[in-house]
PDB file of N, CA and C in Angstrom:
ATOM      1  N   MET A   1     182.184 -17.182  33.286  1.00  0.00           N
ATOM      2  CA  MET A   1     180.941 -16.738  32.703  1.00  0.00           C
ATOM      3  C   MET A   1     181.222 -15.506  31.840  1.00  0.00           C
ATOM      4  N   ALA A   2     180.771 -15.558  30.623  1.00  0.00           N
ATOM      5  CA  ALA A   2     181.008 -14.465  29.680  1.00  0.00           C
ATOM      6  C   ALA A   2     180.037 -13.325  29.964  1.00  0.00           C
ATOM      7  N   THR A   3     180.547 -12.118  29.920  1.00  0.00           N
ATOM      8  CA  THR A   3     179.726 -10.944  30.121  1.00  0.00           C
ATOM      9  C   THR A   3     179.313 -10.415  28.756  1.00  0.00           C
ATOM     10  N   LYS A   4     178.010 -10.171  28.597  1.00  0.00           N
ATOM     11  CA  LYS A   4     177.528  -9.634  27.329  1.00  0.00           C
ATOM     12  C   LYS A   4     177.914  -8.173  27.221  1.00  0.00           C
ATOM     13  N   SER A   5     178.241  -7.786  26.017  1.00  0.00           N
ATOM     14  CA  SER A   5     178.561  -6.378  25.793  1.00  0.00           C
ATOM     15  C   SER A   5     177.286  -5.554  25.924  1.00  0.00           C
ATOM     16  N   LEU A   6     177.470  -4.289  26.210  1.00  0.00           N
ATOM     17  CA  LEU A   6     176.335  -3.388  26.318  1.00  0.00           C
ATOM     18  C   LEU A   6     175.549  -3.374  25.014  1.00  0.00           C
ATOM     19  N   ARG A   7     176.258  -3.402  23.896  1.00  0.00           N
ATOM     20  CA  ARG A   7     175.603  -3.403  22.587  1.00  0.00           C
ATOM     21  C   ARG A   7     174.716  -4.645  22.430  1.00  0.00           C
ATOM     22  N   ALA A   8     175.209  -5.805  22.848  1.00  0.00           N
ATOM     23  CA  ALA A   8     174.432  -7.042  22.744  1.00  0.00           C
ATOM     24  C   ALA A   8     173.198  -6.978  23.637  1.00  0.00           C
ATOM     25  N   GLN A   9     173.357  -6.414  24.836  1.00  0.00           N
ATOM     26  CA  GLN A   9     172.223  -6.293  25.749  1.00  0.00           C
ATOM     27  C   GLN A   9     171.168  -5.351  25.189  1.00  0.00           C
ATOM     28  N   VAL A  10     171.607  -4.210  24.654  1.00  0.00           N
ATOM     29  CA  VAL A  10     170.682  -3.242  24.071  1.00  0.00           C
ATOM     30  C   VAL A  10     169.984  -3.846  22.866  1.00  0.00           C
ATOM     31  N   SER A  11     170.738  -4.552  22.032  1.00  0.00           N
ATOM     32  CA  SER A  11     170.166  -5.178  20.848  1.00  0.00           C
ATOM     33  C   SER A  11     169.092  -6.184  21.236  1.00  0.00           C
ATOM     34  N   LYS A  12     169.361  -6.995  22.247  1.00  0.00           N
ATOM     35  CA  LYS A  12     168.383  -7.984  22.702  1.00  0.00           C
ATOM     36  C   LYS A  12     167.152  -7.286  23.272  1.00  0.00           C
ATOM     37  N   SER A  13     167.371  -6.240  24.058  1.00  0.00           N
ATOM     38  CA  SER A  13     166.267  -5.491  24.640  1.00  0.00           C
ATOM     39  C   SER A  13     165.411  -4.859  23.546  1.00  0.00           C
ATOM     40  N   LYS A  14     166.056  -4.276  22.539  1.00  0.00           N
ATOM     41  CA  LYS A  14     165.337  -3.653  21.421  1.00  0.00           C
ATOM     42  C   LYS A  14     164.525  -4.695  20.671  1.00  0.00           C
ATOM     43  N   ALA A  15     165.110  -5.870  20.460  1.00  0.00           N
ATOM     44  CA  ALA A  15     164.396  -6.933  19.759  1.00  0.00           C
ATOM     45  C   ALA A  15     163.171  -7.366  20.552  1.00  0.00           C
ATOM     46  N   LEU A  16     163.311  -7.485  21.872  1.00  0.00           N
ATOM     47  CA  LEU A  16     162.166  -7.859  22.705  1.00  0.00           C
ATOM     48  C   LEU A  16     161.088  -6.785  22.663  1.00  0.00           C
ATOM     49  N   ASP A  17     161.505  -5.511  22.694  1.00  0.00           N
ATOM     50  CA  ASP A  17     160.541  -4.419  22.579  1.00  0.00           C
ATOM     51  C   ASP A  17     159.816  -4.474  21.243  1.00  0.00           C
ATOM     52  N   ASP A  18     160.558  -4.720  20.161  1.00  0.00           N
ATOM     53  CA  ASP A  18     159.947  -4.801  18.835  1.00  0.00           C
ATOM     54  C   ASP A  18     158.949  -5.947  18.758  1.00  0.00           C
ATOM     55  N   ILE A  19     159.300  -7.087  19.328  1.00  0.00           N
ATOM     56  CA  ILE A  19     158.386  -8.236  19.316  1.00  0.00           C
ATOM     57  C   ILE A  19     157.135  -7.906  20.120  1.00  0.00           C
ATOM     58  N   THR A  20     157.317  -7.330  21.300  1.00  0.00           N
ATOM     59  CA  THR A  20     156.171  -6.959  22.134  1.00  0.00           C
ATOM     60  C   THR A  20     155.281  -5.964  21.406  1.00  0.00           C
ATOM     61  N   ASN A  21     155.880  -4.940  20.818  1.00  0.00           N
ATOM     62  CA  ASN A  21     155.102  -3.949  20.080  1.00  0.00           C
ATOM     63  C   ASN A  21     154.375  -4.572  18.905  1.00  0.00           C
ATOM     64  N   ALA A  22     155.010  -5.502  18.231  1.00  0.00           N
ATOM     65  CA  ALA A  22     154.376  -6.168  17.097  1.00  0.00           C
ATOM     66  C   ALA A  22     153.189  -6.996  17.559  1.00  0.00           C
ATOM     67  N   ILE A  23     153.334  -7.672  18.676  1.00  0.00           N
ATOM     68  CA  ILE A  23     152.251  -8.518  19.184  1.00  0.00           C
ATOM     69  C   ILE A  23     151.054  -7.679  19.594  1.00  0.00           C
ATOM     70  N   ILE A  24     151.298  -6.558  20.257  1.00  0.00           N
ATOM     71  CA  ILE A  24     150.177  -5.736  20.704  1.00  0.00           C
ATOM     72  C   ILE A  24     149.690  -4.781  19.622  1.00  0.00           C
ATOM     73  N   GLY A  25     150.359  -4.774  18.485  1.00  0.00           N
ATOM     74  CA  GLY A  25     149.908  -3.950  17.372  1.00  0.00           C
ATOM     75  C   GLY A  25     150.419  -2.527  17.409  1.00  0.00           C
ATOM     76  N   LYS A  26     151.365  -2.245  18.278  1.00  0.00           N
ATOM     77  CA  LYS A  26     151.923  -0.898  18.351  1.00  0.00           C
ATOM     78  C   LYS A  26     152.935  -0.719  17.230  1.00  0.00           C
ATOM     79  N   GLN A  27     152.789   0.354  16.494  1.00  0.00           N
ATOM     80  CA  GLN A  27     153.714   0.615  15.402  1.00  0.00           C
ATOM     81  C   GLN A  27     154.956   1.297  15.949  1.00  0.00           C
ATOM     82  N   ASN A  28     156.075   1.035  15.318  1.00  0.00           N
ATOM     83  CA  ASN A  28     157.292   1.743  15.710  1.00  0.00           C
ATOM     84  C   ASN A  28     157.879   2.427  14.488  1.00  0.00           C
ATOM     85  N   TYR A  29     158.981   3.123  14.673  1.00  0.00           N
ATOM     86  CA  TYR A  29     159.557   3.905  13.584  1.00  0.00           C
ATOM     87  C   TYR A  29     159.988   3.042  12.405  1.00  0.00           C
ATOM     88  N   ALA A  30     160.297   1.780  12.651  1.00  0.00           N
ATOM     89  CA  ALA A  30     160.818   0.921  11.587  1.00  0.00           C
ATOM     90  C   ALA A  30     159.714   0.221  10.804  1.00  0.00           C
ATOM     91  N   THR A  31     158.515   0.234  11.319  1.00  0.00           N
ATOM     92  CA  THR A  31     157.431  -0.480  10.643  1.00  0.00           C
ATOM     93  C   THR A  31     156.235   0.434  10.492  1.00  0.00           C
ATOM     94  N   SER A  32     155.566   0.296   9.383  1.00  0.00           N
ATOM     95  CA  SER A  32     154.392   1.132   9.175  1.00  0.00           C
ATOM     96  C   SER A  32     153.106   0.366   9.394  1.00  0.00           C
ATOM     97  N   ALA A  33     153.198  -0.929   9.573  1.00  0.00           N
ATOM     98  CA  ALA A  33     151.994  -1.722   9.797  1.00  0.00           C
ATOM     99  C   ALA A  33     152.305  -2.881  10.723  1.00  0.00           C
ATOM    100  N   ARG A  34     151.294  -3.323  11.418  1.00  0.00           N
ATOM    101  CA  ARG A  34     151.464  -4.434  12.348  1.00  0.00           C
ATOM    102  C   ARG A  34     151.947  -5.680  11.625  1.00  0.00           C
ATOM    103  N   GLU A  35     151.397  -5.926  10.450  1.00  0.00           N
ATOM    104  CA  GLU A  35     151.750  -7.148   9.728  1.00  0.00           C
ATOM    105  C   GLU A  35     153.226  -7.204   9.372  1.00  0.00           C
ATOM    106  N   SER A  36     153.789  -6.080   8.916  1.00  0.00           N
ATOM    107  CA  SER A  36     155.202  -6.121   8.566  1.00  0.00           C
ATOM    108  C   SER A  36     156.062  -6.286   9.813  1.00  0.00           C
ATOM    109  N   ALA A  37     155.630  -5.714  10.927  1.00  0.00           N
ATOM    110  CA  ALA A  37     156.377  -5.892  12.175  1.00  0.00           C
ATOM    111  C   ALA A  37     156.335  -7.349  12.600  1.00  0.00           C
ATOM    112  N   MET A  38     155.193  -7.972  12.449  1.00  0.00           N
ATOM    113  CA  MET A  38     155.054  -9.372  12.845  1.00  0.00           C
ATOM    114  C   MET A  38     155.857 -10.275  11.916  1.00  0.00           C
ATOM    115  N   SER A  39     155.787 -10.012  10.619  1.00  0.00           N
ATOM    116  CA  SER A  39     156.451 -10.904   9.675  1.00  0.00           C
ATOM    117  C   SER A  39     157.968 -10.853   9.808  1.00  0.00           C
ATOM    118  N   SER A  40     158.510  -9.727  10.259  1.00  0.00           N
ATOM    119  CA  SER A  40     159.958  -9.639  10.412  1.00  0.00           C
ATOM    120  C   SER A  40     160.470 -10.570  11.507  1.00  0.00           C
ATOM    121  N   PHE A  41     159.574 -11.041  12.360  1.00  0.00           N
ATOM    122  CA  PHE A  41     159.953 -11.988  13.407  1.00  0.00           C
ATOM    123  C   PHE A  41     159.363 -13.374  13.155  1.00  0.00           C
ATOM    124  N   ASN A  42     158.871 -13.600  11.934  1.00  0.00           N
ATOM    125  CA  ASN A  42     158.239 -14.868  11.566  1.00  0.00           C
ATOM    126  C   ASN A  42     157.119 -15.252  12.525  1.00  0.00           C
ATOM    127  N   ILE A  43     156.328 -14.267  12.908  1.00  0.00           N
ATOM    128  CA  ILE A  43     155.184 -14.501  13.781  1.00  0.00           C
ATOM    129  C   ILE A  43     153.939 -14.443  12.921  1.00  0.00           C
ATOM    130  N   LYS A  44     153.129 -15.485  12.993  1.00  0.00           N
ATOM    131  CA  LYS A  44     151.893 -15.493  12.214  1.00  0.00           C
ATOM    132  C   LYS A  44     150.841 -14.658  12.931  1.00  0.00           C
ATOM    133  N   ILE A  45     150.114 -13.914  12.156  1.00  0.00           N
ATOM    134  CA  ILE A  45     149.072 -13.064  12.709  1.00  0.00           C
ATOM    135  C   ILE A  45     147.768 -13.843  12.732  1.00  0.00           C
ATOM    136  N   SER A  46     147.149 -13.849  13.877  1.00  0.00           N
ATOM    137  CA  SER A  46     145.833 -14.468  13.963  1.00  0.00           C
ATOM    138  C   SER A  46     144.843 -13.378  14.333  1.00  0.00           C
ATOM    139  N   SER A  47     143.674 -13.475  13.797  1.00  0.00           N
ATOM    140  CA  SER A  47     142.689 -12.452  14.097  1.00  0.00           C
ATOM    141  C   SER A  47     141.923 -12.839  15.354  1.00  0.00           C
ATOM    142  N   LYS A  48     141.419 -11.822  16.020  1.00  0.00           N
ATOM    143  CA  LYS A  48     140.615 -12.043  17.209  1.00  0.00           C
ATOM    144  C   LYS A  48     139.217 -11.533  16.937  1.00  0.00           C
ATOM    145  N   GLN A  49     138.259 -12.219  17.499  1.00  0.00           N
ATOM    146  CA  GLN A  49     136.898 -11.734  17.410  1.00  0.00           C
ATOM    147  C   GLN A  49     136.697 -10.742  18.544  1.00  0.00           C
ATOM    148  N   ILE A  50     136.174  -9.593  18.210  1.00  0.00           N
ATOM    149  CA  ILE A  50     135.939  -8.579  19.228  1.00  0.00           C
ATOM    150  C   ILE A  50     134.505  -8.711  19.709  1.00  0.00           C
ATOM    151  N   PHE A  51     134.369  -8.976  20.983  1.00  0.00           N
ATOM    152  CA  PHE A  51     133.044  -9.076  21.574  1.00  0.00           C
ATOM    153  C   PHE A  51     132.638  -7.703  22.092  1.00  0.00           C
ATOM    154  N   THR A  52     131.383  -7.396  21.978  1.00  0.00           N
ATOM    155  CA  THR A  52     130.903  -6.109  22.459  1.00  0.00           C
ATOM    156  C   THR A  52     130.194  -6.296  23.796  1.00  0.00           C
ATOM    157  N   TRP A  53     129.887  -5.178  24.391  1.00  0.00           N
ATOM    158  CA  TRP A  53     129.186  -5.167  25.671  1.00  0.00           C
ATOM    159  C   TRP A  53     127.672  -5.040  25.468  1.00  0.00           C
ATOM    160  N   ASN A  54     127.208  -5.074  24.217  1.00  0.00           N
ATOM    161  CA  ASN A  54     125.785  -4.858  23.931  1.00  0.00           C
ATOM    162  C   ASN A  54     124.857  -5.721  24.766  1.00  0.00           C
ATOM    163  N   HIS A  55     125.214  -6.973  24.961  1.00  0.00           N
ATOM    164  CA  HIS A  55     124.318  -7.903  25.653  1.00  0.00           C
ATOM    165  C   HIS A  55     124.243  -7.667  27.163  1.00  0.00           C
ATOM    166  N   VAL A  56     125.116  -6.859  27.725  1.00  0.00           N
ATOM    167  CA  VAL A  56     125.091  -6.636  29.175  1.00  0.00           C
ATOM    168  C   VAL A  56     124.869  -5.185  29.584  1.00  0.00           C
ATOM    169  N   ILE A  57     124.986  -4.266  28.650  1.00  0.00           N
ATOM    170  CA  ILE A  57     124.875  -2.844  29.013  1.00  0.00           C
ATOM    171  C   ILE A  57     123.561  -2.556  29.729  1.00  0.00           C
ATOM    172  N   GLN A  58     122.464  -3.054  29.199  1.00  0.00           N
ATOM    173  CA  GLN A  58     121.158  -2.774  29.803  1.00  0.00           C
ATOM    174  C   GLN A  58     120.969  -3.485  31.139  1.00  0.00           C
ATOM    175  N   LYS A  59     121.748  -4.524  31.382  1.00  0.00           N
ATOM    176  CA  LYS A  59     121.625  -5.286  32.635  1.00  0.00           C
ATOM    177  C   LYS A  59     122.487  -4.715  33.760  1.00  0.00           C
ATOM    178  N   MET A  60     123.389  -3.806  33.428  1.00  0.00           N
ATOM    179  CA  MET A  60     124.266  -3.234  34.453  1.00  0.00           C
ATOM    180  C   MET A  60     123.470  -2.304  35.351  1.00  0.00           C
ATOM    181  N   GLU A  61     123.647  -2.504  36.640  1.00  0.00           N
ATOM    182  CA  GLU A  61     122.937  -1.676  37.601  1.00  0.00           C
ATOM    183  C   GLU A  61     123.927  -1.183  38.654  1.00  0.00           C
ATOM    184  N   ILE A  62     123.971   0.107  38.819  1.00  0.00           N
ATOM    185  CA  ILE A  62     124.848   0.708  39.818  1.00  0.00           C
ATOM    186  C   ILE A  62     123.959   1.227  40.941  1.00  0.00           C
ATOM    187  N   LYS A  63     124.141   0.704  42.130  1.00  0.00           N
ATOM    188  CA  LYS A  63     123.341   1.144  43.276  1.00  0.00           C
ATOM    189  C   LYS A  63     123.751   2.557  43.671  1.00  0.00           C
ATOM    190  N   GLU A  64     122.775   3.330  44.093  1.00  0.00           N
ATOM    191  CA  GLU A  64     123.027   4.724  44.453  1.00  0.00           C
ATOM    192  C   GLU A  64     123.745   4.875  45.785  1.00  0.00           C
ATOM    193  N   ASN A  65     123.585   3.901  46.674  1.00  0.00           N
ATOM    194  CA  ASN A  65     124.269   3.998  47.962  1.00  0.00           C
ATOM    195  C   ASN A  65     124.484   2.598  48.521  1.00  0.00           C
ATOM    196  N   SER A  66     125.253   2.549  49.565  1.00  0.00           N
ATOM    197  CA  SER A  66     125.594   1.271  50.169  1.00  0.00           C
ATOM    198  C   SER A  66     125.870   1.495  51.648  1.00  0.00           C
ATOM    199  N   THR A  67     125.694   0.453  52.431  1.00  0.00           N
ATOM    200  CA  THR A  67     126.023   0.563  53.854  1.00  0.00           C
ATOM    201  C   THR A  67     127.521   0.398  54.077  1.00  0.00           C
ATOM    202  N   LYS A  68     128.244   0.075  53.013  1.00  0.00           N
ATOM    203  CA  LYS A  68     129.685  -0.150  53.123  1.00  0.00           C
ATOM    204  C   LYS A  68     130.481   0.859  52.295  1.00  0.00           C
ATOM    205  N   ASP A  69     129.963   2.072  52.158  1.00  0.00           N
ATOM    206  CA  ASP A  69     130.687   3.101  51.417  1.00  0.00           C
ATOM    207  C   ASP A  69     131.995   3.441  52.116  1.00  0.00           C
ATOM    208  N   TRP A  70     132.973   3.806  51.304  1.00  0.00           N
ATOM    209  CA  TRP A  70     134.279   4.197  51.828  1.00  0.00           C
ATOM    210  C   TRP A  70     134.285   5.714  51.974  1.00  0.00           C
ATOM    211  N   ILE A  71     134.256   6.169  53.212  1.00  0.00           N
ATOM    212  CA  ILE A  71     134.197   7.602  53.496  1.00  0.00           C
ATOM    213  C   ILE A  71     135.420   7.981  54.317  1.00  0.00           C
ATOM    214  N   ASN A  72     136.075   9.060  53.898  1.00  0.00           N
ATOM    215  CA  ASN A  72     137.257   9.533  54.609  1.00  0.00           C
ATOM    216  C   ASN A  72     137.191  11.054  54.699  1.00  0.00           C
ATOM    217  N   ASP A  73     137.294  11.582  55.892  1.00  0.00           N
ATOM    218  CA  ASP A  73     137.210  13.033  56.125  1.00  0.00           C
ATOM    219  C   ASP A  73     135.978  13.641  55.466  1.00  0.00           C
ATOM    220  N   GLY A  74     134.872  12.946  55.549  1.00  0.00           N
ATOM    221  CA  GLY A  74     133.619  13.444  55.003  1.00  0.00           C
ATOM    222  C   GLY A  74     133.462  13.277  53.498  1.00  0.00           C
ATOM    223  N   HIS A  75     134.474  12.746  52.824  1.00  0.00           N
ATOM    224  CA  HIS A  75     134.381  12.546  51.368  1.00  0.00           C
ATOM    225  C   HIS A  75     134.030  11.091  51.073  1.00  0.00           C
ATOM    226  N   ASN A  76     133.012  10.893  50.245  1.00  0.00           N
ATOM    227  CA  ASN A  76     132.549   9.547  49.910  1.00  0.00           C
ATOM    228  C   ASN A  76     133.228   9.076  48.617  1.00  0.00           C
ATOM    229  N   PHE A  77     134.275   8.268  48.775  1.00  0.00           N
ATOM    230  CA  PHE A  77     135.006   7.756  47.619  1.00  0.00           C
ATOM    231  C   PHE A  77     134.180   6.735  46.838  1.00  0.00           C
ATOM    232  N   SER A  78     133.309   6.030  47.521  1.00  0.00           N
ATOM    233  CA  SER A  78     132.453   5.050  46.840  1.00  0.00           C
ATOM    234  C   SER A  78     131.511   5.751  45.872  1.00  0.00           C
ATOM    235  N   ASP A  79     131.033   6.931  46.262  1.00  0.00           N
ATOM    236  CA  ASP A  79     130.166   7.705  45.375  1.00  0.00           C
ATOM    237  C   ASP A  79     130.924   8.123  44.117  1.00  0.00           C
ATOM    238  N   ASP A  80     132.182   8.531  44.286  1.00  0.00           N
ATOM    239  CA  ASP A  80     133.017   8.877  43.125  1.00  0.00           C
ATOM    240  C   ASP A  80     133.163   7.680  42.192  1.00  0.00           C
ATOM    241  N   PHE A  81     133.372   6.510  42.772  1.00  0.00           N
ATOM    242  CA  PHE A  81     133.546   5.319  41.949  1.00  0.00           C
ATOM    243  C   PHE A  81     132.251   4.958  41.225  1.00  0.00           C
ATOM    244  N   ARG A  82     131.099   5.132  41.896  1.00  0.00           N
ATOM    245  CA  ARG A  82     129.818   4.869  41.224  1.00  0.00           C
ATOM    246  C   ARG A  82     129.641   5.811  40.035  1.00  0.00           C
ATOM    247  N   LYS A  83     130.019   7.069  40.213  1.00  0.00           N
ATOM    248  CA  LYS A  83     129.930   8.030  39.102  1.00  0.00           C
ATOM    249  C   LYS A  83     130.842   7.602  37.950  1.00  0.00           C
ATOM    250  N   PHE A  84     132.036   7.133  38.299  1.00  0.00           N
ATOM    251  CA  PHE A  84     132.968   6.638  37.287  1.00  0.00           C
ATOM    252  C   PHE A  84     132.360   5.449  36.536  1.00  0.00           C
ATOM    253  N   GLN A  85     131.777   4.503  37.271  1.00  0.00           N
ATOM    254  CA  GLN A  85     131.154   3.339  36.637  1.00  0.00           C
ATOM    255  C   GLN A  85     130.031   3.768  35.692  1.00  0.00           C
ATOM    256  N   LYS A  86     129.219   4.713  36.123  1.00  0.00           N
ATOM    257  CA  LYS A  86     128.126   5.193  35.273  1.00  0.00           C
ATOM    258  C   LYS A  86     128.665   5.847  34.005  1.00  0.00           C
ATOM    259  N   SER A  87     129.758   6.596  34.126  1.00  0.00           N
ATOM    260  CA  SER A  87     130.320   7.243  32.933  1.00  0.00           C
ATOM    261  C   SER A  87     130.849   6.197  31.950  1.00  0.00           C
ATOM    262  N   ILE A  88     131.415   5.115  32.461  1.00  0.00           N
ATOM    263  CA  ILE A  88     131.899   4.040  31.587  1.00  0.00           C
ATOM    264  C   ILE A  88     130.727   3.363  30.892  1.00  0.00           C
ATOM    265  N   ILE A  89     129.639   3.146  31.608  1.00  0.00           N
ATOM    266  CA  ILE A  89     128.457   2.536  30.995  1.00  0.00           C
ATOM    267  C   ILE A  89     127.936   3.424  29.873  1.00  0.00           C
ATOM    268  N   GLU A  90     127.925   4.742  30.087  1.00  0.00           N
ATOM    269  CA  GLU A  90     127.491   5.660  29.030  1.00  0.00           C
ATOM    270  C   GLU A  90     128.416   5.568  27.816  1.00  0.00           C
ATOM    271  N   LYS A  91     129.721   5.461  28.057  1.00  0.00           N
ATOM    272  CA  LYS A  91     130.664   5.313  26.945  1.00  0.00           C
ATOM    273  C   LYS A  91     130.432   3.998  26.210  1.00  0.00           C
ATOM    274  N   LEU A  92     130.091   2.952  26.947  1.00  0.00           N
ATOM    275  CA  LEU A  92     129.821   1.657  26.313  1.00  0.00           C
ATOM    276  C   LEU A  92     128.582   1.712  25.429  1.00  0.00           C
ATOM    277  N   LYS A  93     127.645   2.571  25.772  1.00  0.00           N
ATOM    278  CA  LYS A  93     126.444   2.700  24.944  1.00  0.00           C
ATOM    279  C   LYS A  93     126.779   3.282  23.575  1.00  0.00           C
ATOM    280  N   THR A  94     127.798   4.141  23.509  1.00  0.00           N
ATOM    281  CA  THR A  94     128.186   4.720  22.221  1.00  0.00           C
ATOM    282  C   THR A  94     129.284   3.919  21.534  1.00  0.00           C
ATOM    283  N   ASP A  95     130.103   3.220  22.315  1.00  0.00           N
ATOM    284  CA  ASP A  95     131.168   2.387  21.750  1.00  0.00           C
ATOM    285  C   ASP A  95     131.212   1.071  22.520  1.00  0.00           C
ATOM    286  N   PRO A  96     130.402   0.098  22.100  1.00  0.00           N
ATOM    287  CA  PRO A  96     130.296  -1.153  22.861  1.00  0.00           C
ATOM    288  C   PRO A  96     131.537  -2.032  22.807  1.00  0.00           C
ATOM    289  N   THR A  97     132.582  -1.598  22.108  1.00  0.00           N
ATOM    290  CA  THR A  97     133.819  -2.388  22.082  1.00  0.00           C
ATOM    291  C   THR A  97     134.895  -1.754  22.952  1.00  0.00           C
ATOM    292  N   LEU A  98     134.512  -0.803  23.782  1.00  0.00           N
ATOM    293  CA  LEU A  98     135.452  -0.141  24.673  1.00  0.00           C
ATOM    294  C   LEU A  98     136.206  -1.180  25.496  1.00  0.00           C
ATOM    295  N   SER A  99     137.503  -1.018  25.569  1.00  0.00           N
ATOM    296  CA  SER A  99     138.346  -1.991  26.261  1.00  0.00           C
ATOM    297  C   SER A  99     139.313  -1.273  27.185  1.00  0.00           C
ATOM    298  N   TYR A 100     139.402  -1.732  28.410  1.00  0.00           N
ATOM    299  CA  TYR A 100     140.351  -1.131  29.350  1.00  0.00           C
ATOM    300  C   TYR A 100     141.770  -1.233  28.815  1.00  0.00           C
ATOM    301  N   ALA A 101     142.085  -2.360  28.189  1.00  0.00           N
ATOM    302  CA  ALA A 101     143.446  -2.594  27.707  1.00  0.00           C
ATOM    303  C   ALA A 101     143.862  -1.599  26.631  1.00  0.00           C
ATOM    304  N   THR A 102     142.939  -1.229  25.753  1.00  0.00           N
ATOM    305  CA  THR A 102     143.313  -0.345  24.647  1.00  0.00           C
ATOM    306  C   THR A 102     142.782   1.075  24.789  1.00  0.00           C
ATOM    307  N   ASP A 103     141.789   1.287  25.631  1.00  0.00           N
ATOM    308  CA  ASP A 103     141.154   2.595  25.732  1.00  0.00           C
ATOM    309  C   ASP A 103     141.352   3.251  27.087  1.00  0.00           C
ATOM    310  N   ILE A 104     142.398   2.895  27.791  1.00  0.00           N
ATOM    311  CA  ILE A 104     142.611   3.403  29.145  1.00  0.00           C
ATOM    312  C   ILE A 104     142.652   4.923  29.194  1.00  0.00           C
ATOM    313  N   GLU A 105     143.264   5.560  28.200  1.00  0.00           N
ATOM    314  CA  GLU A 105     143.357   7.023  28.226  1.00  0.00           C
ATOM    315  C   GLU A 105     141.991   7.672  28.077  1.00  0.00           C
ATOM    316  N   SER A 106     141.140   7.123  27.202  1.00  0.00           N
ATOM    317  CA  SER A 106     139.817   7.717  27.041  1.00  0.00           C
ATOM    318  C   SER A 106     138.920   7.403  28.233  1.00  0.00           C
ATOM    319  N   ILE A 107     139.158   6.275  28.892  1.00  0.00           N
ATOM    320  CA  ILE A 107     138.370   5.934  30.074  1.00  0.00           C
ATOM    321  C   ILE A 107     138.689   6.901  31.207  1.00  0.00           C
ATOM    322  N   MET A 108     139.975   7.188  31.374  1.00  0.00           N
ATOM    323  CA  MET A 108     140.380   8.063  32.472  1.00  0.00           C
ATOM    324  C   MET A 108     140.167   9.509  32.072  1.00  0.00           C
TER     325      MET A 108
END
């Protein structure tokens, strides 16, 4: 069995990283736009329709309490999570295209 050189392994890893970055739209030092990153790998770009949360924002209801709250040492973690959910709903009211996948830093 032939052993790949370190250079070949790094090159393959870099190529996989570049393809992944191109697919998710992340720019790297070698490309200034998603399209050029995609075209260098002969990957066709397809557009996605972005759905908003507008149709469900008003229907979301967060209960103020529950009989199954998670409480530890007197601290109610379920209450913290309800507050977190409410803050996300408020963010959705101003940006209905908020996405966990792309906006994780602003959510947290």
